[in-house]
Amino acid sequence: MDNLSYTTNQDIIALLCQRLKEYRLAARISQREMAEKSGVSLTTISHLEQGMSRNITLNNFISLLRVLGLEQRLSDLLPELPVPPMALKQMNKYIPKRVRRSSHDTES
């Protein structure tokens, strides 16, 4: 899933569903168990994994990720923005430019 710029949304969904299947199998979880734990119907899971359905709701997708313990990986999709340059400039105003030695430091 490195270069998705030339791929359709439907292809990306199919790829994500295929990955879900791979993770499910690696976790040794049956489709039935996945359905019971996630609240997503067995038919929906089966169709997704077979590429027959390419319309998964975000709610169902997150439910499936939770069963696999992958919900924390969602932050990889939209990482936090870095600190904007203007905010850095504002923060730098409060950082001292020089540190003066006290008279105690020179006596040692």
Protein backbone atom coordinates (compact mmCIF):
# COMPACT_ATOMS: atom_id res chain seq x y z
CA MET A 1 0.00 0.00 0.00
CA ASP A 2 2.95 2.27 -0.65
CA ASN A 3 1.75 4.25 -3.69
CA LEU A 4 -2.00 4.63 -3.76
CA SER A 5 -2.16 7.83 -5.78
CA TYR A 6 -3.15 6.00 -8.98
CA THR A 7 -5.58 3.60 -7.31
CA THR A 8 -9.35 3.99 -7.03
CA ASN A 9 -11.10 4.27 -3.70
CA GLN A 10 -12.71 0.89 -4.33
CA ASP A 11 -9.30 -0.71 -4.90
CA ILE A 12 -8.00 0.77 -1.66
CA ILE A 13 -11.03 -0.58 0.23
CA ALA A 14 -10.50 -4.02 -1.31
CA LEU A 15 -6.83 -3.93 -0.28
CA LEU A 16 -7.70 -2.92 3.28
CA CYS A 17 -10.28 -5.72 3.51
CA GLN A 18 -7.69 -8.20 2.25
CA ARG A 19 -5.30 -6.98 4.94
CA LEU A 20 -8.03 -7.39 7.55
CA LYS A 21 -8.44 -11.00 6.44
CA GLU A 22 -4.68 -11.59 6.68
CA TYR A 23 -4.61 -10.17 10.22
CA ARG A 24 -7.68 -12.21 11.18
CA LEU A 25 -6.08 -15.42 9.96
CA ALA A 26 -2.78 -14.59 11.68
CA ALA A 27 -4.71 -14.07 14.93
CA ARG A 28 -6.41 -17.44 14.37
CA ILE A 29 -9.88 -15.91 14.64
CA SER A 30 -12.74 -17.39 12.61
CA GLN A 31 -15.12 -15.22 10.65
CA ARG A 32 -17.91 -16.29 13.01
CA GLU A 33 -15.89 -15.26 16.07
CA MET A 34 -15.00 -11.97 14.39
CA ALA A 35 -18.68 -11.33 13.70
CA GLU A 36 -19.70 -12.12 17.27
CA LYS A 37 -17.02 -9.93 18.83
CA SER A 38 -17.38 -7.00 16.42
CA GLY A 39 -21.13 -6.88 15.90
CA VAL A 40 -20.55 -6.94 12.13
CA SER A 41 -22.60 -9.61 10.38
CA LEU A 42 -20.92 -12.81 9.24
CA THR A 43 -22.24 -12.19 5.72
CA THR A 44 -20.67 -8.73 5.62
CA ILE A 45 -17.29 -10.05 6.80
CA SER A 46 -17.42 -12.88 4.26
CA HIS A 47 -18.31 -10.53 1.41
CA LEU A 48 -15.60 -8.06 2.40
CA GLU A 49 -12.94 -10.73 2.50
CA GLN A 50 -14.02 -12.14 -0.87
CA GLY A 51 -13.97 -8.69 -2.46
CA MET A 52 -17.69 -8.93 -3.18
CA SER A 53 -18.56 -5.84 -1.15
CA ARG A 54 -16.51 -2.70 -1.34
CA ASN A 55 -18.72 -0.53 0.80
CA ILE A 56 -17.74 -0.87 4.44
CA THR A 57 -18.80 1.74 6.92
CA LEU A 58 -16.11 3.39 9.00
CA ASN A 59 -17.94 2.18 12.11
CA ASN A 60 -17.76 -1.47 10.96
CA PHE A 61 -14.13 -1.09 9.92
CA ILE A 62 -13.18 0.26 13.36
CA SER A 63 -15.17 -2.53 15.05
CA LEU A 64 -13.18 -5.12 13.09
CA LEU A 65 -9.90 -3.40 13.94
CA ARG A 66 -10.82 -3.47 17.64
CA VAL A 67 -11.31 -7.24 17.57
CA LEU A 68 -7.83 -7.58 16.08
CA GLY A 69 -6.32 -5.10 18.55
CA LEU A 70 -5.39 -2.72 15.74
CA GLU A 71 -7.51 0.32 16.60
CA GLN A 72 -4.44 2.23 17.80
CA ARG A 73 -3.03 2.01 14.27
CA LEU A 74 -5.74 4.38 13.03
CA SER A 75 -3.59 7.28 14.19
CA ASP A 76 -1.08 6.22 11.50
CA LEU A 77 -3.64 7.25 8.87
CA LEU A 78 -3.80 10.83 10.11
CA PRO A 79 -0.81 11.63 12.32
CA GLU A 80 -0.80 14.79 14.39
CA LEU A 81 0.35 17.86 12.55
CA PRO A 82 3.85 19.08 13.39
CA VAL A 83 4.14 22.36 15.24
CA PRO A 84 3.55 25.20 12.74
CA PRO A 85 6.56 27.51 12.13
CA MET A 86 4.79 30.55 13.58
CA ALA A 87 4.06 28.68 16.80
CA LEU A 88 7.75 27.71 17.03
CA LYS A 89 8.71 31.34 16.56
CA GLN A 90 6.36 32.34 19.38
CA MET A 91 7.80 29.63 21.66
CA ASN A 92 11.37 30.75 20.90
CA LYS A 93 10.58 34.20 22.31
CA TYR A 94 10.47 32.66 25.77
CA ILE A 95 13.74 30.73 25.49
CA PRO A 96 16.64 32.78 26.89
CA LYS A 97 19.27 33.71 24.31
CA ARG A 98 22.07 33.92 26.88
CA VAL A 99 22.66 32.43 30.25
CA ARG A 100 24.45 34.66 32.72
CA ARG A 101 26.61 33.09 35.29
CA SER A 102 25.89 34.03 38.82
CA SER A 103 28.65 35.20 41.11
CA HIS A 104 28.48 31.82 42.85
CA ASP A 105 29.51 30.03 39.62
CA THR A 106 32.75 32.00 39.25
CA GLU A 107 33.87 31.44 42.84
CA SER A 108 34.19 27.65 42.50
